[in-house]
Protein backbone atom coordinates (compact mmCIF):
# COMPACT_ATOMS: atom_id res chain seq x y z
CA MET A 1 -57.16 156.55 -0.57
CA ALA A 2 -54.25 154.37 0.71
CA MET A 3 -52.29 152.05 -1.90
CA ASN A 4 -51.91 148.63 -0.09
CA GLY A 5 -48.92 147.31 -1.61
CA PRO A 6 -46.28 144.83 -1.49
CA GLY A 7 -43.64 147.63 -0.37
CA PRO A 8 -43.61 148.41 2.97
CA VAL A 9 -46.15 150.99 4.29
CA SER A 10 -45.01 154.69 4.79
CA GLY A 11 -44.32 155.43 8.63
CA ARG A 12 -43.98 151.80 9.72
CA LYS A 13 -40.49 149.56 9.66
CA SER A 14 -40.58 146.24 8.02
CA ARG A 15 -40.73 142.95 10.03
CA ARG A 16 -37.67 140.93 9.67
CA ALA A 17 -37.82 137.28 8.32
CA PRO A 18 -37.32 134.91 11.01
CA MET A 19 -33.73 133.54 11.44
CA ALA A 20 -33.19 129.79 9.88
CA GLU A 21 -29.84 129.30 11.47
CA ILE A 22 -29.08 128.15 14.77
CA ASN A 23 -26.00 129.43 16.71
CA VAL A 24 -23.82 126.02 17.42
CA THR A 25 -21.46 127.92 19.53
CA PRO A 26 -23.17 127.76 22.75
CA LEU A 27 -23.90 123.83 22.19
CA VAL A 28 -20.45 123.29 21.83
CA ASP A 29 -19.24 125.03 24.81
CA VAL A 30 -21.39 123.00 26.81
CA MET A 31 -20.37 119.67 25.14
CA LEU A 32 -17.17 120.67 25.13
CA VAL A 33 -17.56 121.19 29.65
CA LEU A 34 -19.19 117.82 29.76
CA LEU A 35 -16.75 116.49 27.77
CA ILE A 36 -14.04 117.44 30.36
CA ILE A 37 -16.34 116.75 33.82
CA PHE A 38 -16.82 113.14 32.07
CA MET A 39 -12.90 112.38 31.28
CA VAL A 40 -12.28 113.78 34.84
CA THR A 41 -14.61 111.74 36.43
CA ALA A 42 -14.42 108.63 35.14
CA PRO A 43 -11.21 107.32 36.43
CA MET A 44 -12.74 107.95 39.93
CA MET A 45 -16.03 106.01 38.97
CA GLN A 46 -13.52 102.52 39.60
CA SER A 47 -14.12 101.87 42.99
CA GLY A 48 -12.11 99.70 45.10
CA VAL A 49 -9.44 98.74 47.48
CA GLN A 50 -6.12 100.43 45.98
CA VAL A 51 -3.72 97.28 45.91
CA ASP A 52 -0.19 97.01 43.82
CA LEU A 53 -0.53 93.76 41.80
CA PRO A 54 1.93 91.94 39.97
CA GLU A 55 2.46 91.68 36.84
CA SER A 56 1.49 88.75 34.56
CA LYS A 57 1.82 87.36 30.85
CA ALA A 58 -1.23 86.37 30.74
CA GLU A 59 -4.50 87.67 27.84
CA ALA A 60 -7.14 88.98 29.97
CA LEU A 61 -10.33 86.97 30.02
CA THR A 62 -13.43 87.88 28.52
CA GLN A 63 -16.76 87.39 30.78
CA GLU A 64 -20.09 87.85 30.34
CA GLU A 65 -21.32 87.88 33.60
CA GLU A 66 -20.23 90.18 36.68
CA PRO A 67 -17.52 88.04 38.83
CA VAL A 68 -17.09 88.17 42.85
CA GLY A 69 -14.27 90.57 43.84
CA ILE A 70 -12.15 89.69 46.73
CA THR A 71 -9.34 92.15 47.34
CA ILE A 72 -6.95 91.72 50.22
CA ASP A 73 -4.86 95.00 51.09
CA PRO A 74 -1.67 95.33 51.75
CA SER A 75 -2.10 95.14 55.54
CA GLY A 76 -3.93 92.03 55.21
CA ILE A 77 -7.72 92.92 55.57
CA ILE A 78 -9.74 91.04 53.11
CA TYR A 79 -12.46 92.79 51.19
CA VAL A 80 -15.43 90.79 49.59
CA GLN A 81 -16.91 93.35 46.96
CA ASP A 82 -15.34 96.16 48.44
CA VAL A 83 -16.70 95.66 52.17
CA PRO A 84 -14.05 94.53 54.85
CA VAL A 85 -15.02 91.04 56.23
CA ALA A 86 -12.88 90.09 59.20
CA PRO A 87 -11.07 86.67 58.80
CA GLU A 88 -13.32 84.79 61.60
CA ASP A 89 -16.51 86.01 59.22
CA LEU A 90 -15.48 84.74 55.70
CA ALA A 91 -16.24 81.41 55.47
CA ALA A 92 -19.90 82.59 56.28
CA ARG A 93 -19.66 85.01 53.57
CA LEU A 94 -18.14 82.78 51.11
CA GLY A 95 -20.95 80.44 51.51
CA GLU A 96 -23.64 83.04 51.59
CA ILE A 97 -21.96 83.90 48.05
CA ARG A 98 -22.40 80.34 46.85
CA THR A 99 -26.05 79.86 47.98
CA ALA A 100 -27.18 82.82 46.18
CA SER A 101 -25.08 81.97 42.87
CA SER A 102 -27.94 80.75 40.30
CA GLU A 103 -25.04 78.63 38.27
CA GLU A 104 -24.13 75.54 39.16
CA ALA A 105 -20.43 76.03 39.28
CA GLY A 106 -20.58 79.24 41.20
CA PRO A 107 -20.09 82.28 40.49
CA ARG A 108 -16.60 83.57 39.35
CA VAL A 109 -14.06 85.08 41.97
CA MET A 110 -11.51 87.44 40.88
CA LEU A 111 -9.08 87.23 43.71
CA ARG A 112 -6.51 90.17 43.46
CA ALA A 113 -3.97 90.70 46.54
CA ASP A 114 -1.21 92.65 47.03
CA GLN A 115 2.22 91.69 45.83
CA SER A 116 3.78 92.70 48.95
CA LEU A 117 1.73 90.06 51.25
CA ASN A 118 2.64 86.79 52.56
CA TYR A 119 2.11 83.94 50.95
CA GLY A 120 -0.03 82.25 53.78
CA ILE A 121 -2.27 84.84 53.99
CA VAL A 122 -3.22 84.59 50.45
CA MET A 123 -3.53 80.66 50.61
CA ASN A 124 -5.77 80.82 53.64
CA VAL A 125 -8.18 82.82 51.37
CA MET A 126 -7.92 80.80 48.38
CA GLY A 127 -8.61 77.91 51.23
CA GLU A 128 -11.80 79.41 52.43
CA LEU A 129 -12.98 79.76 48.61
CA ASN A 130 -12.41 76.27 47.99
CA ALA A 131 -14.29 75.00 51.14
CA ALA A 132 -17.02 77.10 50.23
CA GLY A 133 -17.38 75.74 46.64
CA LEU A 134 -16.10 78.25 44.93
CA ARG A 135 -13.70 76.33 42.19
CA ARG A 136 -13.76 79.14 39.84
CA ILE A 137 -11.06 81.68 40.70
CA SER A 138 -8.98 83.90 38.88
CA MET A 139 -6.13 85.71 40.28
CA VAL A 140 -5.57 89.20 39.01
CA SER A 141 -2.19 90.52 38.00
CA VAL A 142 -1.30 93.72 35.88
CA SER A 143 0.29 93.39 32.17
CA GLY A 144 4.01 93.45 32.16
CA GLY A 145 6.91 92.33 30.95
CA ALA A 146 8.81 89.12 33.20
CA ASN A 147 10.87 89.59 35.86
């Protein structure tokens, strides 16, 4: 007669209890790799035209809505939202921006110009902004000491 008791049956191996722990080492490895990838790629995500901005003591502005970005690079090429625009087409493009805006005073404009540019080029762009009815203009600079 066979005995069915609480112990293991002779000739059979006892079953292991399921492991209740999760090995977190692979999870930590994957998370660290993802962290490194994001840390390397995040600075590259900032798109735009490379310009050498002048320094200023002014505080940064807080804004709720995304402003229109206008950039003038060191060679004098004008970019509206990172798209090059010919000087003769600038007035029409600014007019489109003004009419597309839902704000009464027009959208905010962030004007970035390289510090080595001729003052007249920047003033011509500001004149076109004014003629298009875009009067909320901010000139972008980098924080720094007084020179």
